[in-house]
Amino acid sequence: MGETVYVGNAGVDGVGNGGWLLGHFAPPGEIRHSTDVEVKWGVHPPGEARSRWATGERRTTLLVLVEGRFRVELPDRTVRLAAPGDYVVWARGVDHSWYAECASVVLTVRWPSLPGYRVDPPILR
């Protein structure tokens, strides 16, 4: 049986996997491996944007602003997160993109954890 407790640092552990800390991509048998949920610690410099819209989404997502100003683009609206703790949740099937209006840190939780969603690295605008 694998470890039953893991202690780490989100800024360190997420570096090698685009900020993702927990999900299907962690090695099987490791406590951070999960097909139920994914967790990401996203550190974004000012002007960073998703390289392209996420479409055909099969997961529900919660995005919480830790610091900064962050914009989430949805098909029918733009959501601006400006105060620590501001958050947005969108359902399966909702396309999205995002943009860091200034240096920002966000915590993202998605469920379930499904392979096949990796996109090009973010771009600076």
Protein backbone atom coordinates (compact mmCIF):
# COMPACT_ATOMS: atom_id res chain seq x y z
CA MET A 1 0.00 0.00 0.00
CA GLY A 2 1.22 3.52 -0.78
CA GLU A 3 1.67 6.43 1.58
CA THR A 4 -1.40 7.54 3.51
CA VAL A 5 -0.14 11.08 4.15
CA TYR A 6 1.69 13.43 1.78
CA VAL A 7 3.09 16.81 2.78
CA GLY A 8 4.31 19.19 0.12
CA ASN A 9 4.32 22.70 -1.26
CA ALA A 10 1.97 23.61 -4.09
CA GLY A 11 4.47 25.99 -5.69
CA VAL A 12 7.16 23.32 -5.73
CA ASP A 13 5.12 20.19 -6.45
CA GLY A 14 3.11 21.76 -9.27
CA VAL A 15 6.08 22.99 -11.29
CA GLY A 16 6.60 19.77 -13.24
CA ASN A 17 2.95 19.32 -14.15
CA GLY A 18 1.60 22.75 -15.07
CA GLY A 19 0.54 23.44 -11.49
CA TRP A 20 -1.58 20.30 -11.14
CA LEU A 21 -1.12 18.67 -7.74
CA LEU A 22 -3.67 15.89 -7.62
CA GLY A 23 -5.48 13.87 -10.28
CA HIS A 24 -5.29 10.97 -12.71
CA PHE A 25 -1.82 12.07 -13.86
CA ALA A 26 -0.12 11.33 -10.49
CA PRO A 27 1.48 7.88 -10.40
CA PRO A 28 -0.99 5.09 -9.49
CA GLY A 29 -0.55 4.00 -5.90
CA GLU A 30 0.52 7.49 -4.82
CA ILE A 31 -1.92 9.28 -2.49
CA ARG A 32 -2.17 12.20 -4.97
CA HIS A 33 -3.50 9.89 -7.71
CA SER A 34 -7.26 10.33 -8.21
CA THR A 35 -9.77 9.77 -10.98
CA ASP A 36 -12.40 11.57 -8.90
CA VAL A 37 -10.88 15.06 -8.68
CA GLU A 38 -8.03 17.28 -9.90
CA VAL A 39 -6.47 20.17 -7.98
CA LYS A 40 -4.23 22.89 -9.43
CA TRP A 41 -2.21 25.72 -7.88
CA GLY A 42 -1.99 28.19 -10.75
CA VAL A 43 0.60 30.98 -10.61
CA HIS A 44 0.08 33.34 -13.55
CA PRO A 45 2.17 36.37 -14.56
CA PRO A 46 0.35 39.50 -15.76
CA GLY A 47 -1.05 39.09 -19.26
CA GLU A 48 -0.92 35.30 -19.31
CA ALA A 49 -3.86 33.70 -21.12
CA ARG A 50 -5.07 30.23 -21.96
CA SER A 51 -3.60 29.33 -25.37
CA ARG A 52 -7.05 28.38 -26.72
CA TRP A 53 -10.59 27.88 -25.48
CA ALA A 54 -11.40 24.63 -23.69
CA THR A 55 -14.28 23.04 -25.59
CA GLY A 56 -16.27 19.86 -25.15
CA GLU A 57 -15.66 20.00 -21.40
CA ARG A 58 -16.72 16.85 -19.52
CA ARG A 59 -15.84 18.08 -16.04
CA THR A 60 -17.27 20.52 -13.50
CA THR A 61 -14.80 23.21 -12.39
CA LEU A 62 -14.35 25.47 -9.36
CA LEU A 63 -11.78 28.28 -9.65
CA VAL A 64 -10.92 30.33 -6.53
CA LEU A 65 -8.83 33.51 -6.59
CA VAL A 66 -6.06 33.47 -3.97
CA GLU A 67 -4.47 36.77 -5.04
CA GLY A 68 -4.40 39.10 -8.04
CA ARG A 69 -7.11 39.79 -10.65
CA PHE A 70 -8.19 36.97 -12.94
CA ARG A 71 -10.76 36.84 -15.71
CA VAL A 72 -12.67 33.72 -16.76
CA GLU A 73 -14.26 33.88 -20.20
CA LEU A 74 -17.43 31.83 -20.65
CA PRO A 75 -19.65 31.64 -23.74
CA ASP A 76 -22.28 34.02 -22.38
CA ARG A 77 -20.31 36.18 -19.93
CA THR A 78 -16.99 37.31 -18.55
CA VAL A 79 -16.37 36.74 -14.84
CA ARG A 80 -13.79 38.97 -13.13
CA LEU A 81 -12.33 37.72 -9.87
CA ALA A 82 -10.80 40.66 -7.98
CA ALA A 83 -10.89 39.94 -4.23
CA PRO A 84 -9.21 36.99 -2.52
CA GLY A 85 -11.82 34.27 -2.17
CA ASP A 86 -13.85 35.31 -5.23
CA TYR A 87 -14.76 32.18 -7.18
CA VAL A 88 -16.67 30.82 -10.13
CA VAL A 89 -18.08 27.36 -10.80
CA TRP A 90 -19.04 26.11 -14.25
CA ALA A 91 -20.70 22.87 -15.25
CA ARG A 92 -19.78 20.14 -17.67
CA GLY A 93 -20.28 21.24 -21.24
CA VAL A 94 -19.42 24.92 -20.61
CA ASP A 95 -16.54 26.10 -22.82
CA HIS A 96 -14.07 28.49 -21.19
CA SER A 97 -10.85 30.44 -21.38
CA TRP A 98 -8.99 32.70 -18.93
CA TYR A 99 -6.70 35.72 -18.64
CA ALA A 100 -4.51 37.01 -15.77
CA GLU A 101 -5.17 40.77 -15.58
CA CYS A 102 -2.22 41.08 -13.17
CA ALA A 103 0.04 38.60 -11.36
CA SER A 104 -2.44 36.08 -9.98
CA VAL A 105 -2.66 32.88 -7.98
CA VAL A 106 -5.72 30.66 -8.38
CA LEU A 107 -6.76 27.33 -6.95
CA THR A 108 -8.68 25.14 -9.41
CA VAL A 109 -10.63 22.00 -8.57
CA ARG A 110 -12.11 19.86 -11.37
CA TRP A 111 -14.11 16.69 -11.23
CA PRO A 112 -13.89 13.99 -12.36
CA SER A 113 -10.21 13.69 -13.32
CA LEU A 114 -10.10 12.65 -16.98
CA PRO A 115 -7.10 12.18 -19.28
CA GLY A 116 -6.86 13.95 -22.61
CA TYR A 117 -7.30 17.62 -21.70
CA ARG A 118 -3.73 18.93 -21.87
CA VAL A 119 -3.42 21.98 -24.13
CA ASP A 120 -0.54 24.11 -25.32
CA PRO A 121 1.21 26.15 -22.62
CA PRO A 122 -0.44 29.49 -21.78
CA ILE A 123 0.58 32.56 -23.77
CA LEU A 124 1.47 36.11 -22.75
CA ARG A 125 -0.61 38.83 -24.35
